């Protein structure tokens, strides 16, 4: 518990937990969107923060940090992305297709059964990254669908993906977005906006309910990791047992080599025959 308490005290805006809490404050979330998109937003409504979208029992569910809709019915999904993760099997970075998957699940969730496709509202998938995924130095990378035969022709599906690069060096962003980047990167407070964010984080860390919520969340995630590790170890033992049996080793030797019971190995052998 002491380690969790220390971890809680050291949380920054880069933490999904803190990011979600901070962006749950309307004035902060609205200002970030207004400065980023250079628009005016009268109000926003929140959908369930860190909402799990699971359209089918066989599909992979995801947790979305922040989903909001503005007064013009444009929907925004805001995500903090700290690690540039690779799939260990394919060696490919997961971010591009992760944005595609998030967009697909948002659309499924937004379009009620039986509704026409053209009722889908405009959407923005926004990833705030602390690494420059494309290594071009841009502050912002904005993606829309365009025709390869005529790059001026844009598919008007009203779906936009934005990859924010807090380590960027060039491009057009407002002073408050630049100060937000500085705060995300190095905890530098150089604007009223980042002062508001920092004050909010300080307030959150004094809230015993928020601390308890973090502790419960971490305990749940730890249990999930342990279950995943145990499941992975069980699969590895099974695969090893099958290989050893195919090499002609006895049931007793395979059981010793894998720490499986003789009964378990006998069952595996029977399934192979």
Protein backbone atom coordinates (compact mmCIF):
# COMPACT_ATOMS: atom_id res chain seq x y z
CA UNK A 1 0.00 0.00 0.00
CA UNK A 2 2.90 2.32 0.76
CA UNK A 3 4.25 1.84 -2.75
CA UNK A 4 0.84 2.65 -4.21
CA UNK A 5 0.60 5.75 -2.01
CA UNK A 6 3.98 6.94 -3.29
CA UNK A 7 2.97 6.15 -6.86
CA UNK A 8 -0.20 8.19 -6.41
CA UNK A 9 1.74 11.19 -5.06
CA UNK A 10 4.09 11.04 -8.07
CA UNK A 11 1.37 10.88 -10.73
CA UNK A 12 1.54 13.51 -13.48
CA UNK A 13 -0.66 14.55 -16.40
CA UNK A 14 0.98 11.72 -18.38
CA UNK A 15 -0.90 9.22 -16.22
CA UNK A 16 -4.13 7.97 -17.82
CA UNK A 17 -5.79 8.20 -14.42
CA UNK A 18 -4.84 11.84 -13.81
CA UNK A 19 -5.39 12.85 -17.43
CA UNK A 20 -8.93 11.48 -17.30
CA UNK A 21 -9.65 13.33 -14.04
CA UNK A 22 -8.23 16.64 -15.29
CA UNK A 23 -10.07 16.48 -18.60
CA UNK A 24 -13.28 15.74 -16.71
CA UNK A 25 -13.22 19.42 -15.76
CA UNK A 26 -15.24 21.19 -18.44
CA UNK A 27 -13.32 24.46 -18.47
CA UNK A 28 -10.01 22.64 -19.03
CA UNK A 29 -11.28 20.21 -21.65
CA UNK A 30 -13.15 22.91 -23.57
CA UNK A 31 -10.14 25.23 -23.57
CA UNK A 32 -7.83 22.47 -24.81
CA UNK A 33 -10.19 21.65 -27.70
CA UNK A 34 -10.77 25.31 -28.56
CA UNK A 35 -7.05 26.09 -28.63
CA UNK A 36 -6.18 22.95 -30.56
CA UNK A 37 -8.88 23.30 -33.23
CA UNK A 38 -9.18 27.09 -33.15
CA UNK A 39 -12.96 26.92 -32.71
CA UNK A 40 -15.49 28.15 -30.16
CA UNK A 41 -17.33 25.62 -28.01
CA UNK A 42 -20.28 26.78 -25.92
CA UNK A 43 -20.57 23.59 -23.89
CA UNK A 44 -19.67 19.90 -23.82
CA UNK A 45 -21.39 16.82 -22.46
CA UNK A 46 -19.48 13.83 -21.15
CA UNK A 47 -19.98 10.22 -21.94
CA UNK A 48 -18.73 7.71 -19.42
CA UNK A 49 -15.04 8.39 -18.85
CA UNK A 50 -12.76 5.45 -19.65
CA UNK A 51 -15.79 3.84 -21.26
CA UNK A 52 -15.39 0.26 -22.33
CA UNK A 53 -16.68 -0.37 -25.85
CA UNK A 54 -17.36 -4.05 -26.50
CA UNK A 55 -19.68 -4.45 -29.50
CA UNK A 56 -19.42 -8.23 -29.58
CA UNK A 57 -18.40 -10.89 -27.09
CA UNK A 58 -15.71 -12.09 -29.50
CA UNK A 59 -14.36 -8.59 -30.17
CA UNK A 60 -11.56 -6.88 -28.35
CA UNK A 61 -12.90 -4.28 -25.92
CA UNK A 62 -11.14 -0.98 -25.31
CA UNK A 63 -11.22 1.67 -22.62
CA UNK A 64 -11.49 5.23 -23.88
CA UNK A 65 -10.06 7.94 -21.62
CA UNK A 66 -12.38 10.85 -22.43
CA UNK A 67 -15.35 11.06 -24.81
CA UNK A 68 -17.21 14.36 -25.09
CA UNK A 69 -19.71 15.95 -27.45
CA UNK A 70 -19.90 19.68 -28.03
CA UNK A 71 -22.95 21.87 -28.60
CA UNK A 72 -22.76 21.17 -32.36
CA UNK A 73 -22.82 17.38 -31.78
CA UNK A 74 -19.18 16.89 -32.76
CA UNK A 75 -17.71 14.04 -30.74
CA UNK A 76 -14.15 13.94 -29.41
CA UNK A 77 -12.11 11.08 -27.99
CA UNK A 78 -9.03 12.28 -26.09
CA UNK A 79 -6.24 9.84 -25.22
CA UNK A 80 -2.88 10.22 -23.49
CA UNK A 81 -0.26 8.02 -25.14
CA UNK A 82 3.04 7.70 -23.27
CA UNK A 83 4.56 4.56 -24.82
CA UNK A 84 5.20 3.82 -28.49
CA UNK A 85 4.21 0.17 -28.29
CA UNK A 86 5.21 -2.55 -30.77
CA UNK A 87 3.43 -5.83 -31.29
CA UNK A 88 6.08 -8.38 -30.19
CA UNK A 89 4.89 -10.86 -32.82
CA UNK A 90 4.66 -8.60 -35.88
CA UNK A 91 7.23 -5.99 -34.73
CA UNK A 92 4.85 -3.31 -36.00
CA UNK A 93 3.89 -0.22 -34.01
CA UNK A 94 0.28 -0.46 -32.85
CA UNK A 95 -0.69 3.23 -32.80
CA UNK A 96 -1.93 3.62 -36.42
CA UNK A 97 -4.32 0.67 -36.33
CA UNK A 98 -5.27 1.46 -32.77
CA UNK A 99 -6.65 4.81 -33.98
CA UNK A 100 -8.53 2.97 -36.73
CA UNK A 101 -10.05 0.57 -34.20
CA UNK A 102 -11.04 3.39 -31.85
CA UNK A 103 -12.75 5.19 -34.72
CA UNK A 104 -14.66 2.07 -35.73
CA UNK A 105 -15.90 1.37 -32.22
CA UNK A 106 -16.88 4.98 -31.66
CA UNK A 107 -18.95 4.90 -34.84
CA UNK A 108 -20.67 1.67 -33.81
CA UNK A 109 -21.46 3.16 -30.42
CA UNK A 110 -22.75 6.44 -31.89
CA UNK A 111 -24.99 4.94 -34.55
CA UNK A 112 -28.06 3.38 -32.97
CA UNK A 113 -29.51 0.23 -34.51
CA UNK A 114 -31.71 1.05 -37.49
CA UNK A 115 -30.42 4.61 -37.93
CA UNK A 116 -29.15 5.91 -41.25
CA UNK A 117 -25.38 6.20 -41.76
CA UNK A 118 -25.60 9.90 -42.52
CA UNK A 119 -26.67 10.49 -38.90
CA UNK A 120 -23.14 9.71 -37.75
CA UNK A 121 -21.79 12.91 -36.16
CA UNK A 122 -18.39 14.45 -36.90
CA UNK A 123 -15.67 12.79 -34.81
CA UNK A 124 -12.13 13.54 -33.70
CA UNK A 125 -9.80 10.85 -32.40
CA UNK A 126 -7.04 12.77 -30.61
CA UNK A 127 -3.92 11.05 -29.26
CA UNK A 128 -1.57 13.16 -27.14
CA UNK A 129 1.82 11.49 -27.62
CA UNK A 130 5.02 12.18 -25.72
CA UNK A 131 7.06 10.65 -28.56
CA UNK A 132 7.25 11.83 -32.16
CA UNK A 133 5.71 8.79 -33.85
CA UNK A 134 6.40 10.02 -37.39
CA UNK A 135 9.77 11.63 -36.56
CA UNK A 136 8.97 14.73 -38.66
CA UNK A 137 9.03 17.27 -35.84
CA UNK A 138 5.44 18.47 -36.34
CA UNK A 139 3.53 19.70 -33.33
CA UNK A 140 0.39 18.13 -34.80
CA UNK A 141 -0.29 15.45 -37.41
CA UNK A 142 -3.86 15.64 -38.76
CA UNK A 143 -5.29 12.87 -40.92
CA UNK A 144 -8.34 12.78 -43.19
CA UNK A 145 -9.13 10.49 -46.11
CA UNK A 146 -8.06 11.80 -49.52
CA UNK A 147 -8.22 10.50 -53.08
CA UNK A 148 -4.85 9.21 -54.32
CA UNK A 149 -5.70 10.26 -57.86
CA UNK A 150 -6.62 13.78 -56.75
CA UNK A 151 -5.11 14.77 -53.39
CA UNK A 152 -7.32 17.87 -53.24
CA UNK A 153 -10.39 15.63 -53.15
CA UNK A 154 -11.34 14.78 -49.57
CA UNK A 155 -13.79 12.07 -48.56
CA UNK A 156 -16.43 14.00 -46.55
CA UNK A 157 -16.97 11.36 -43.87
CA UNK A 158 -16.29 13.95 -41.13
CA UNK A 159 -13.85 11.64 -39.34
CA UNK A 160 -10.55 13.18 -38.24
CA UNK A 161 -7.57 11.64 -36.49
CA UNK A 162 -5.04 13.89 -34.79
CA UNK A 163 -1.70 12.77 -33.37
CA UNK A 164 -0.34 15.48 -31.09
CA UNK A 165 3.43 15.45 -30.68
CA UNK A 166 4.47 17.11 -27.42
CA UNK A 167 8.12 16.84 -28.51
CA UNK A 168 7.45 18.73 -31.74
CA UNK A 169 9.52 21.68 -32.93
CA UNK A 170 7.47 23.29 -35.70
CA UNK A 171 3.98 23.97 -36.96
CA UNK A 172 1.14 26.30 -36.07
CA UNK A 173 -0.17 25.86 -32.55
CA UNK A 174 -1.42 28.39 -30.03
CA UNK A 175 0.64 29.58 -27.06
CA UNK A 176 -1.60 27.62 -24.70
CA UNK A 177 -1.15 24.38 -26.63
CA UNK A 178 2.63 24.93 -26.60
CA UNK A 179 2.49 25.58 -22.85
CA UNK A 180 0.40 22.41 -22.46
CA UNK A 181 3.12 20.47 -24.31
CA UNK A 182 5.78 21.95 -22.00
CA UNK A 183 3.74 20.92 -19.00
CA UNK A 184 3.21 17.37 -20.28
CA UNK A 185 6.91 16.99 -21.09
CA UNK A 186 8.62 18.65 -18.15
CA UNK A 187 5.96 19.90 -15.71
CA UNK A 188 6.76 23.48 -16.71
CA UNK A 189 4.06 25.98 -15.70
CA UNK A 190 4.29 28.99 -18.00
CA UNK A 191 0.66 29.98 -18.64
CA UNK A 192 -2.61 30.46 -16.83
CA UNK A 193 -3.87 27.32 -18.57
CA UNK A 194 -1.12 25.08 -17.23
CA UNK A 195 -1.50 26.72 -13.81
CA UNK A 196 -5.16 25.66 -13.84
CA UNK A 197 -4.16 22.12 -14.76
CA UNK A 198 -1.49 21.94 -12.08
CA UNK A 199 -3.86 23.33 -9.44
CA UNK A 200 -6.43 20.73 -10.43
CA UNK A 201 -3.90 17.92 -10.06
CA UNK A 202 -2.86 19.22 -6.63
CA UNK A 203 -6.51 19.32 -5.60
CA UNK A 204 -7.07 15.76 -6.87
CA UNK A 205 -4.15 14.45 -4.83
CA UNK A 206 -5.71 15.88 -1.66
CA UNK A 207 -9.02 14.12 -2.32
CA UNK A 208 -9.24 10.89 -0.32
CA UNK A 209 -11.95 9.53 -2.65
CA UNK A 210 -9.69 9.99 -5.67
CA UNK A 211 -6.80 8.32 -3.82
CA UNK A 212 -9.02 5.35 -2.92
CA UNK A 213 -10.28 5.09 -6.51
CA UNK A 214 -6.68 4.97 -7.75
CA UNK A 215 -5.79 2.25 -5.22
CA UNK A 216 -8.75 0.10 -6.28
CA UNK A 217 -7.96 0.61 -9.96
CA UNK A 218 -4.33 -0.38 -9.47
CA UNK A 219 -5.36 -3.46 -7.48
CA UNK A 220 -7.73 -4.48 -10.28
CA UNK A 221 -5.07 -3.97 -12.96
CA UNK A 222 -2.56 -5.95 -10.88
CA UNK A 223 -5.03 -8.84 -10.64
CA UNK A 224 -5.59 -8.69 -14.42
CA UNK A 225 -1.83 -8.76 -15.05
CA UNK A 226 -1.38 -11.71 -12.69
CA UNK A 227 -4.22 -13.59 -14.36
CA UNK A 228 -2.74 -12.85 -17.77
CA UNK A 229 0.71 -13.99 -16.65
CA UNK A 230 -0.69 -17.20 -15.16
CA UNK A 231 -2.64 -17.88 -18.35
CA UNK A 232 0.47 -17.28 -20.45
CA UNK A 233 2.56 -19.60 -18.28
CA UNK A 234 -0.11 -22.30 -18.53
CA UNK A 235 -0.14 -22.04 -22.34
CA UNK A 236 3.66 -22.19 -22.43
CA UNK A 237 3.69 -25.34 -20.28
CA UNK A 238 1.09 -26.92 -22.55
CA UNK A 239 3.10 -26.11 -25.68
CA UNK A 240 6.30 -27.43 -24.08
CA UNK A 241 4.58 -30.65 -23.01
CA UNK A 242 3.32 -31.23 -26.55
CA UNK A 243 6.82 -30.69 -27.99
CA UNK A 244 8.45 -33.05 -25.48
CA UNK A 245 5.85 -35.75 -26.10
CA UNK A 246 6.36 -35.44 -29.85
CA UNK A 247 10.07 -36.02 -29.23
CA UNK A 248 9.28 -39.36 -27.58
CA UNK A 249 9.81 -38.47 -23.93
CA UNK A 250 7.85 -40.41 -21.37
CA UNK A 251 4.82 -39.00 -19.59
CA UNK A 252 6.76 -39.03 -16.31
CA UNK A 253 9.72 -37.11 -17.77
CA UNK A 254 7.44 -34.54 -19.40
CA UNK A 255 5.59 -34.04 -16.12
CA UNK A 256 8.89 -33.41 -14.33
CA UNK A 257 10.12 -31.06 -17.03
CA UNK A 258 6.99 -28.92 -17.13
CA UNK A 259 5.75 -29.16 -13.51
CA UNK A 260 2.46 -30.52 -14.84
CA UNK A 261 0.83 -33.48 -13.16
CA UNK A 262 1.10 -36.94 -14.69
CA UNK A 263 -2.67 -36.88 -15.21
CA UNK A 264 -2.45 -33.60 -17.14
CA UNK A 265 0.33 -34.92 -19.38
CA UNK A 266 -1.57 -38.14 -20.01
CA UNK A 267 -4.58 -36.09 -21.10
CA UNK A 268 -2.40 -34.04 -23.50
CA UNK A 269 -0.90 -37.23 -24.90
CA UNK A 270 -4.35 -38.76 -25.43
CA UNK A 271 -5.47 -35.63 -27.32
CA UNK A 272 -2.43 -35.89 -29.63
CA UNK A 273 -3.06 -39.51 -30.51
